[in-house]
Amino acid sequence: MAVVYAREAALPIDDYIEVVGNSALGPTRPINDRDRVAEMIAGADLIVSARLNGRCIGLARCLTDFAWVAYCGDLAVHSDFQGRGIGKGLLEACKELLGDDVGMALLSVPEAVGFYDRHGPSVDLHPYGHAYFMKRTRGV
């Protein structure tokens, strides 16, 4: 069966925890704090899932105004399904849902830089030399 990419109106918390917890993002996200994960999901403007036989195996969680810019806060594929083009499929689905007027930015964990170097240009995602991040004082 083929992987199905779709916009999620309300991604289940358990799906987020299962996918992200079994990806390079796991150590950088509060997956043991269900209330905080629920807030993260509720605050997202665009969530796209990758499902195989109904099981969530990948996700993209974005904040966007749907007019100018989107920030992809999470792009994760379960470790059992990596290397099959699912991450690229999630980026393509986000690009399609956002449309031609909206650009997308993201910060990569060091372990995923190679993925973006390989697959980013095919969806018009390119490295940008000036990125800054203000660290949180609570959580991971």
N, C-alpha and C. Protein backbone atom coordinates (compact mmCIF):
# COMPACT_ATOMS: atom_id res chain seq x y z
N MET A 1 0.83 -1.18 0.00
CA MET A 1 0.00 0.00 0.00
C MET A 1 0.88 1.25 0.00
N ALA A 2 0.40 2.29 -0.64
CA ALA A 2 1.17 3.53 -0.77
C ALA A 2 1.04 4.41 0.47
N VAL A 3 2.04 5.24 0.68
CA VAL A 3 2.00 6.22 1.76
C VAL A 3 1.02 7.32 1.35
N VAL A 4 0.15 7.72 2.29
CA VAL A 4 -0.84 8.75 2.05
C VAL A 4 -0.43 9.99 2.83
N TYR A 5 -0.30 11.11 2.11
CA TYR A 5 0.03 12.40 2.72
C TYR A 5 -1.24 13.23 2.80
N ALA A 6 -1.52 13.79 3.98
CA ALA A 6 -2.75 14.56 4.13
C ALA A 6 -2.61 15.58 5.24
N ARG A 7 -3.36 16.66 5.08
CA ARG A 7 -3.44 17.66 6.14
C ARG A 7 -4.26 17.07 7.28
N GLU A 8 -3.78 17.26 8.49
CA GLU A 8 -4.45 16.75 9.69
C GLU A 8 -5.14 17.90 10.41
N ALA A 9 -6.43 17.75 10.66
CA ALA A 9 -7.17 18.76 11.42
C ALA A 9 -6.76 18.71 12.89
N ALA A 10 -6.52 17.51 13.40
CA ALA A 10 -6.15 17.35 14.81
C ALA A 10 -5.31 16.08 14.94
N LEU A 11 -4.00 16.23 14.85
CA LEU A 11 -3.11 15.09 14.97
C LEU A 11 -3.18 14.54 16.39
N PRO A 12 -3.41 13.25 16.56
CA PRO A 12 -3.41 12.67 17.91
C PRO A 12 -2.04 12.82 18.59
N ILE A 13 -2.07 13.13 19.87
CA ILE A 13 -0.84 13.30 20.64
C ILE A 13 0.03 12.04 20.54
N ASP A 14 -0.58 10.87 20.63
CA ASP A 14 0.19 9.62 20.58
C ASP A 14 0.91 9.45 19.25
N ASP A 15 0.30 9.91 18.15
CA ASP A 15 0.97 9.84 16.84
C ASP A 15 2.21 10.71 16.84
N TYR A 16 2.08 11.94 17.36
CA TYR A 16 3.23 12.84 17.42
C TYR A 16 4.35 12.21 18.24
N ILE A 17 4.01 11.74 19.43
CA ILE A 17 5.02 11.17 20.33
C ILE A 17 5.69 9.95 19.70
N GLU A 18 4.92 9.08 19.05
CA GLU A 18 5.48 7.88 18.42
C GLU A 18 6.45 8.23 17.29
N VAL A 19 6.05 9.13 16.42
CA VAL A 19 6.90 9.48 15.27
C VAL A 19 8.12 10.28 15.72
N VAL A 20 7.88 11.36 16.43
CA VAL A 20 8.99 12.23 16.84
C VAL A 20 9.92 11.52 17.81
N GLY A 21 9.36 10.73 18.71
CA GLY A 21 10.18 9.99 19.68
C GLY A 21 11.08 8.95 19.04
N ASN A 22 10.75 8.53 17.84
CA ASN A 22 11.56 7.56 17.10
C ASN A 22 12.21 8.21 15.89
N SER A 23 12.67 9.45 16.07
CA SER A 23 13.37 10.18 15.03
C SER A 23 14.50 10.99 15.67
N ALA A 24 15.28 11.64 14.86
CA ALA A 24 16.38 12.47 15.38
C ALA A 24 15.86 13.63 16.21
N LEU A 25 14.60 14.01 16.04
CA LEU A 25 14.03 15.11 16.82
C LEU A 25 13.70 14.71 18.25
N GLY A 26 13.52 13.43 18.51
CA GLY A 26 13.10 12.96 19.83
C GLY A 26 13.80 13.60 21.01
N PRO A 27 15.13 13.61 21.03
CA PRO A 27 15.83 14.19 22.18
C PRO A 27 15.66 15.70 22.32
N THR A 28 15.14 16.36 21.27
CA THR A 28 15.02 17.82 21.29
C THR A 28 13.59 18.30 21.50
N ARG A 29 12.66 17.37 21.73
CA ARG A 29 11.25 17.73 21.89
C ARG A 29 10.73 17.18 23.22
N PRO A 30 9.73 17.84 23.81
CA PRO A 30 9.21 17.45 25.13
C PRO A 30 8.22 16.28 25.05
N ILE A 31 8.66 15.16 24.49
CA ILE A 31 7.74 14.04 24.24
C ILE A 31 7.23 13.38 25.52
N ASN A 32 7.81 13.68 26.66
CA ASN A 32 7.31 13.14 27.93
C ASN A 32 6.33 14.08 28.61
N ASP A 33 6.02 15.19 27.98
CA ASP A 33 5.10 16.18 28.53
C ASP A 33 3.90 16.29 27.59
N ARG A 34 2.91 15.42 27.80
CA ARG A 34 1.75 15.33 26.91
C ARG A 34 0.99 16.66 26.80
N ASP A 35 0.89 17.39 27.91
CA ASP A 35 0.18 18.67 27.87
C ASP A 35 0.90 19.66 26.95
N ARG A 36 2.21 19.68 27.03
CA ARG A 36 2.97 20.60 26.18
C ARG A 36 2.89 20.18 24.71
N VAL A 37 2.95 18.88 24.44
CA VAL A 37 2.79 18.39 23.07
C VAL A 37 1.41 18.77 22.56
N ALA A 38 0.39 18.64 23.38
CA ALA A 38 -0.96 19.03 22.97
C ALA A 38 -1.01 20.51 22.60
N GLU A 39 -0.34 21.36 23.37
CA GLU A 39 -0.28 22.79 23.06
C GLU A 39 0.45 23.04 21.75
N MET A 40 1.52 22.29 21.51
CA MET A 40 2.28 22.44 20.27
C MET A 40 1.41 22.09 19.06
N ILE A 41 0.67 21.02 19.18
CA ILE A 41 -0.21 20.58 18.09
C ILE A 41 -1.33 21.60 17.88
N ALA A 42 -1.96 22.03 18.97
CA ALA A 42 -3.07 22.98 18.88
C ALA A 42 -2.63 24.31 18.29
N GLY A 43 -1.40 24.71 18.53
CA GLY A 43 -0.90 25.99 18.04
C GLY A 43 -0.41 25.98 16.61
N ALA A 44 -0.34 24.81 16.02
CA ALA A 44 0.14 24.70 14.63
C ALA A 44 -0.97 25.09 13.66
N ASP A 45 -0.58 25.79 12.60
CA ASP A 45 -1.53 26.19 11.56
C ASP A 45 -1.65 25.14 10.47
N LEU A 46 -0.62 24.33 10.32
CA LEU A 46 -0.60 23.31 9.27
C LEU A 46 0.14 22.09 9.79
N ILE A 47 -0.55 20.95 9.81
CA ILE A 47 0.09 19.68 10.14
C ILE A 47 -0.20 18.73 8.99
N VAL A 48 0.86 18.13 8.46
CA VAL A 48 0.73 17.15 7.39
C VAL A 48 1.27 15.83 7.91
N SER A 49 0.52 14.76 7.70
CA SER A 49 0.98 13.45 8.12
C SER A 49 1.30 12.59 6.91
N ALA A 50 2.14 11.61 7.15
CA ALA A 50 2.40 10.53 6.19
C ALA A 50 1.91 9.27 6.88
N ARG A 51 0.95 8.59 6.26
CA ARG A 51 0.36 7.40 6.87
C ARG A 51 0.50 6.20 5.94
N LEU A 52 0.79 5.06 6.54
CA LEU A 52 0.88 3.79 5.84
C LEU A 52 -0.10 2.84 6.51
N ASN A 53 -1.12 2.41 5.78
CA ASN A 53 -2.17 1.57 6.35
C ASN A 53 -2.79 2.20 7.60
N GLY A 54 -2.92 3.52 7.60
CA GLY A 54 -3.50 4.24 8.71
C GLY A 54 -2.54 4.63 9.82
N ARG A 55 -1.37 4.01 9.84
CA ARG A 55 -0.37 4.31 10.88
C ARG A 55 0.41 5.56 10.50
N CYS A 56 0.51 6.50 11.43
CA CYS A 56 1.31 7.71 11.20
C CYS A 56 2.79 7.33 11.27
N ILE A 57 3.50 7.56 10.16
CA ILE A 57 4.93 7.23 10.10
C ILE A 57 5.80 8.46 9.86
N GLY A 58 5.15 9.61 9.63
CA GLY A 58 5.89 10.86 9.44
C GLY A 58 4.96 12.03 9.61
N LEU A 59 5.55 13.20 9.91
CA LEU A 59 4.73 14.39 10.08
C LEU A 59 5.54 15.65 9.86
N ALA A 60 4.83 16.70 9.48
CA ALA A 60 5.38 18.05 9.41
C ALA A 60 4.43 18.95 10.18
N ARG A 61 4.97 19.75 11.08
CA ARG A 61 4.16 20.67 11.89
C ARG A 61 4.65 22.08 11.62
N CYS A 62 3.76 22.94 11.09
CA CYS A 62 4.15 24.28 10.65
C CYS A 62 3.31 25.38 11.30
N LEU A 63 3.93 26.53 11.44
CA LEU A 63 3.27 27.77 11.84
C LEU A 63 3.30 28.67 10.61
N THR A 64 2.16 29.23 10.23
CA THR A 64 2.12 30.02 9.01
C THR A 64 1.00 31.04 9.02
N ASP A 65 1.16 32.07 8.20
CA ASP A 65 0.09 33.04 7.97
C ASP A 65 -0.64 32.73 6.66
N PHE A 66 -0.19 31.72 5.92
CA PHE A 66 -0.76 31.29 4.64
C PHE A 66 -0.74 32.40 3.59
N ALA A 67 0.04 33.45 3.82
CA ALA A 67 0.12 34.55 2.87
C ALA A 67 1.56 34.82 2.44
N TRP A 68 2.51 34.67 3.37
CA TRP A 68 3.88 35.05 3.07
C TRP A 68 4.90 34.01 3.49
N VAL A 69 4.77 33.49 4.72
CA VAL A 69 5.82 32.61 5.24
C VAL A 69 5.24 31.50 6.12
N ALA A 70 5.94 30.40 6.14
CA ALA A 70 5.65 29.29 7.04
C ALA A 70 6.96 28.89 7.71
N TYR A 71 6.88 28.50 8.95
CA TYR A 71 8.03 27.96 9.66
C TYR A 71 7.70 26.50 9.99
N CYS A 72 8.51 25.59 9.51
CA CYS A 72 8.32 24.18 9.80
C CYS A 72 9.06 23.87 11.09
N GLY A 73 8.31 23.72 12.16
CA GLY A 73 8.90 23.47 13.47
C GLY A 73 9.32 22.02 13.66
N ASP A 74 8.63 21.11 12.98
CA ASP A 74 8.95 19.68 13.06
C ASP A 74 8.79 19.04 11.70
N LEU A 75 9.79 18.32 11.28
CA LEU A 75 9.69 17.42 10.13
C LEU A 75 10.34 16.14 10.60
N ALA A 76 9.53 15.10 10.77
CA ALA A 76 10.04 13.86 11.36
C ALA A 76 9.47 12.66 10.64
N VAL A 77 10.32 11.65 10.48
CA VAL A 77 9.92 10.35 9.94
C VAL A 77 10.38 9.29 10.93
N HIS A 78 9.48 8.40 11.29
CA HIS A 78 9.80 7.31 12.21
C HIS A 78 11.03 6.57 11.68
N SER A 79 11.95 6.23 12.56
CA SER A 79 13.22 5.61 12.17
C SER A 79 13.04 4.33 11.36
N ASP A 80 11.94 3.59 11.59
CA ASP A 80 11.69 2.36 10.84
C ASP A 80 11.35 2.61 9.37
N PHE A 81 11.05 3.87 9.02
CA PHE A 81 10.59 4.18 7.67
C PHE A 81 11.47 5.21 6.96
N GLN A 82 12.61 5.55 7.55
CA GLN A 82 13.49 6.53 6.92
C GLN A 82 14.18 5.94 5.70
N GLY A 83 14.59 6.81 4.78
CA GLY A 83 15.27 6.38 3.57
C GLY A 83 14.34 5.94 2.46
N ARG A 84 13.04 6.22 2.59
CA ARG A 84 12.05 5.81 1.60
C ARG A 84 11.40 6.99 0.89
N GLY A 85 11.95 8.20 1.08
CA GLY A 85 11.39 9.38 0.41
C GLY A 85 10.23 10.01 1.14
N ILE A 86 9.96 9.60 2.37
CA ILE A 86 8.81 10.11 3.10
C ILE A 86 9.03 11.55 3.55
N GLY A 87 10.21 11.87 4.01
CA GLY A 87 10.51 13.26 4.39
C GLY A 87 10.34 14.20 3.21
N LYS A 88 10.86 13.80 2.07
CA LYS A 88 10.71 14.60 0.85
C LYS A 88 9.24 14.72 0.49
N GLY A 89 8.49 13.64 0.62
CA GLY A 89 7.05 13.68 0.35
C GLY A 89 6.32 14.64 1.26
N LEU A 90 6.72 14.70 2.52
CA LEU A 90 6.11 15.64 3.46
C LEU A 90 6.40 17.08 3.04
N LEU A 91 7.64 17.36 2.63
CA LEU A 91 7.99 18.70 2.17
C LEU A 91 7.18 19.07 0.93
N GLU A 92 7.04 18.12 0.01
CA GLU A 92 6.26 18.38 -1.20
C GLU A 92 4.80 18.66 -0.87
N ALA A 93 4.24 17.90 0.07
CA ALA A 93 2.84 18.11 0.47
C ALA A 93 2.67 19.48 1.12
N CYS A 94 3.62 19.88 1.97
CA CYS A 94 3.55 21.21 2.59
C CYS A 94 3.60 22.29 1.52
N LYS A 95 4.52 22.14 0.59
CA LYS A 95 4.67 23.14 -0.49
C LYS A 95 3.37 23.26 -1.28
N GLU A 96 2.75 22.14 -1.58
CA GLU A 96 1.49 22.16 -2.34
C GLU A 96 0.37 22.83 -1.54
N LEU A 97 0.26 22.50 -0.26
CA LEU A 97 -0.80 23.07 0.58
C LEU A 97 -0.58 24.56 0.85
N LEU A 98 0.67 24.98 0.94
CA LEU A 98 0.97 26.39 1.20
C LEU A 98 0.81 27.25 -0.04
N GLY A 99 1.05 26.67 -1.21
CA GLY A 99 0.90 27.41 -2.46
C GLY A 99 2.15 28.20 -2.84
N ASP A 100 2.10 28.79 -4.01
CA ASP A 100 3.26 29.47 -4.58
C ASP A 100 3.61 30.79 -3.90
N ASP A 101 2.70 31.38 -3.14
CA ASP A 101 2.94 32.68 -2.52
C ASP A 101 3.66 32.59 -1.18
N VAL A 102 3.79 31.37 -0.64
CA VAL A 102 4.31 31.21 0.72
C VAL A 102 5.67 30.53 0.70
N GLY A 103 6.65 31.15 1.35
CA GLY A 103 7.97 30.55 1.53
C GLY A 103 7.99 29.78 2.84
N MET A 104 8.93 28.84 2.96
CA MET A 104 9.02 28.05 4.18
C MET A 104 10.44 28.07 4.72
N ALA A 105 10.56 28.23 6.03
CA ALA A 105 11.84 28.21 6.72
C ALA A 105 11.82 27.08 7.74
N LEU A 106 12.99 26.56 8.06
CA LEU A 106 13.12 25.58 9.13
C LEU A 106 14.54 25.58 9.65
N LEU A 107 14.68 25.08 10.86
CA LEU A 107 15.99 24.87 11.47
C LEU A 107 16.19 23.37 11.55
N SER A 108 17.34 22.90 11.14
CA SER A 108 17.62 21.48 11.14
C SER A 108 18.44 21.07 12.36
N VAL A 109 18.11 19.90 12.92
CA VAL A 109 19.01 19.33 13.91
C VAL A 109 20.25 18.86 13.14
N PRO A 110 21.41 18.84 13.78
CA PRO A 110 22.63 18.47 13.06
C PRO A 110 22.54 17.12 12.33
N GLU A 111 21.83 16.16 12.92
CA GLU A 111 21.72 14.83 12.32
C GLU A 111 20.95 14.83 11.01
N ALA A 112 20.17 15.87 10.74
CA ALA A 112 19.33 15.90 9.53
C ALA A 112 19.86 16.81 8.44
N VAL A 113 20.97 17.48 8.65
CA VAL A 113 21.49 18.41 7.66
C VAL A 113 21.74 17.71 6.32
N GLY A 114 22.27 16.50 6.34
CA GLY A 114 22.51 15.76 5.10
C GLY A 114 21.24 15.52 4.31
N PHE A 115 20.13 15.24 5.00
CA PHE A 115 18.85 15.06 4.33
C PHE A 115 18.47 16.33 3.57
N TYR A 116 18.57 17.48 4.24
CA TYR A 116 18.18 18.74 3.59
C TYR A 116 19.14 19.10 2.47
N ASP A 117 20.42 18.80 2.64
CA ASP A 117 21.38 19.06 1.56
C ASP A 117 21.04 18.23 0.32
N ARG A 118 20.61 16.99 0.52
CA ARG A 118 20.28 16.09 -0.60
C ARG A 118 18.93 16.40 -1.23
N HIS A 119 17.91 16.60 -0.39
CA HIS A 119 16.54 16.66 -0.91
C HIS A 119 15.93 18.06 -0.92
N GLY A 120 16.50 18.98 -0.18
CA GLY A 120 15.94 20.33 -0.12
C GLY A 120 15.83 21.01 -1.47
N PRO A 121 16.89 21.00 -2.29
CA PRO A 121 16.79 21.71 -3.57
C PRO A 121 15.68 21.20 -4.49
N SER A 122 15.32 19.93 -4.39
CA SER A 122 14.26 19.40 -5.26
C SER A 122 12.89 19.99 -4.93
N VAL A 123 12.73 20.54 -3.72
CA VAL A 123 11.48 21.22 -3.36
C VAL A 123 11.73 22.71 -3.15
N ASP A 124 12.83 23.19 -3.69
CA ASP A 124 13.22 24.60 -3.63
C ASP A 124 13.50 25.09 -2.21
N LEU A 125 14.04 24.19 -1.37
CA LEU A 125 14.45 24.52 -0.01
C LEU A 125 15.97 24.59 -0.01
N HIS A 126 16.51 25.76 0.27
CA HIS A 126 17.95 25.98 0.15
C HIS A 126 18.53 26.49 1.47
N PRO A 127 19.81 26.20 1.72
CA PRO A 127 20.44 26.70 2.95
C PRO A 127 20.52 28.22 2.94
N TYR A 128 20.40 28.79 4.11
CA TYR A 128 20.46 30.23 4.29
C TYR A 128 21.43 30.50 5.42
N GLY A 129 22.45 31.28 5.15
CA GLY A 129 23.56 31.43 6.08
C GLY A 129 23.29 32.16 7.37
N HIS A 130 22.22 32.89 7.46
CA HIS A 130 21.99 33.71 8.65
C HIS A 130 20.72 33.25 9.35
N ALA A 131 20.89 32.40 10.33
CA ALA A 131 19.77 31.94 11.13
C ALA A 131 20.14 32.13 12.59
N TYR A 132 19.18 32.54 13.39
CA TYR A 132 19.41 32.78 14.80
C TYR A 132 18.30 32.14 15.60
N PHE A 133 18.64 31.74 16.81
CA PHE A 133 17.67 31.05 17.65
C PHE A 133 17.82 31.51 19.09
N MET A 134 16.73 31.91 19.70
CA MET A 134 16.72 32.29 21.12
C MET A 134 16.28 31.05 21.90
N LYS A 135 17.17 30.52 22.74
CA LYS A 135 16.87 29.28 23.45
C LYS A 135 15.80 29.49 24.52
N ARG A 136 14.99 28.46 24.70
CA ARG A 136 13.98 28.47 25.74
C ARG A 136 14.68 28.22 27.09
N THR A 137 14.03 28.63 28.15
CA THR A 137 14.62 28.42 29.48
C THR A 137 13.97 27.28 30.22
N ARG A 138 12.92 26.66 29.63
CA ARG A 138 12.24 25.53 30.25
C ARG A 138 12.12 24.42 29.20
N GLY A 139 12.33 23.22 29.63
CA GLY A 139 12.15 22.09 28.72
C GLY A 139 13.46 21.63 28.12
N VAL A 140 13.32 20.93 27.03
CA VAL A 140 14.46 20.28 26.37
C VAL A 140 15.46 21.29 25.86
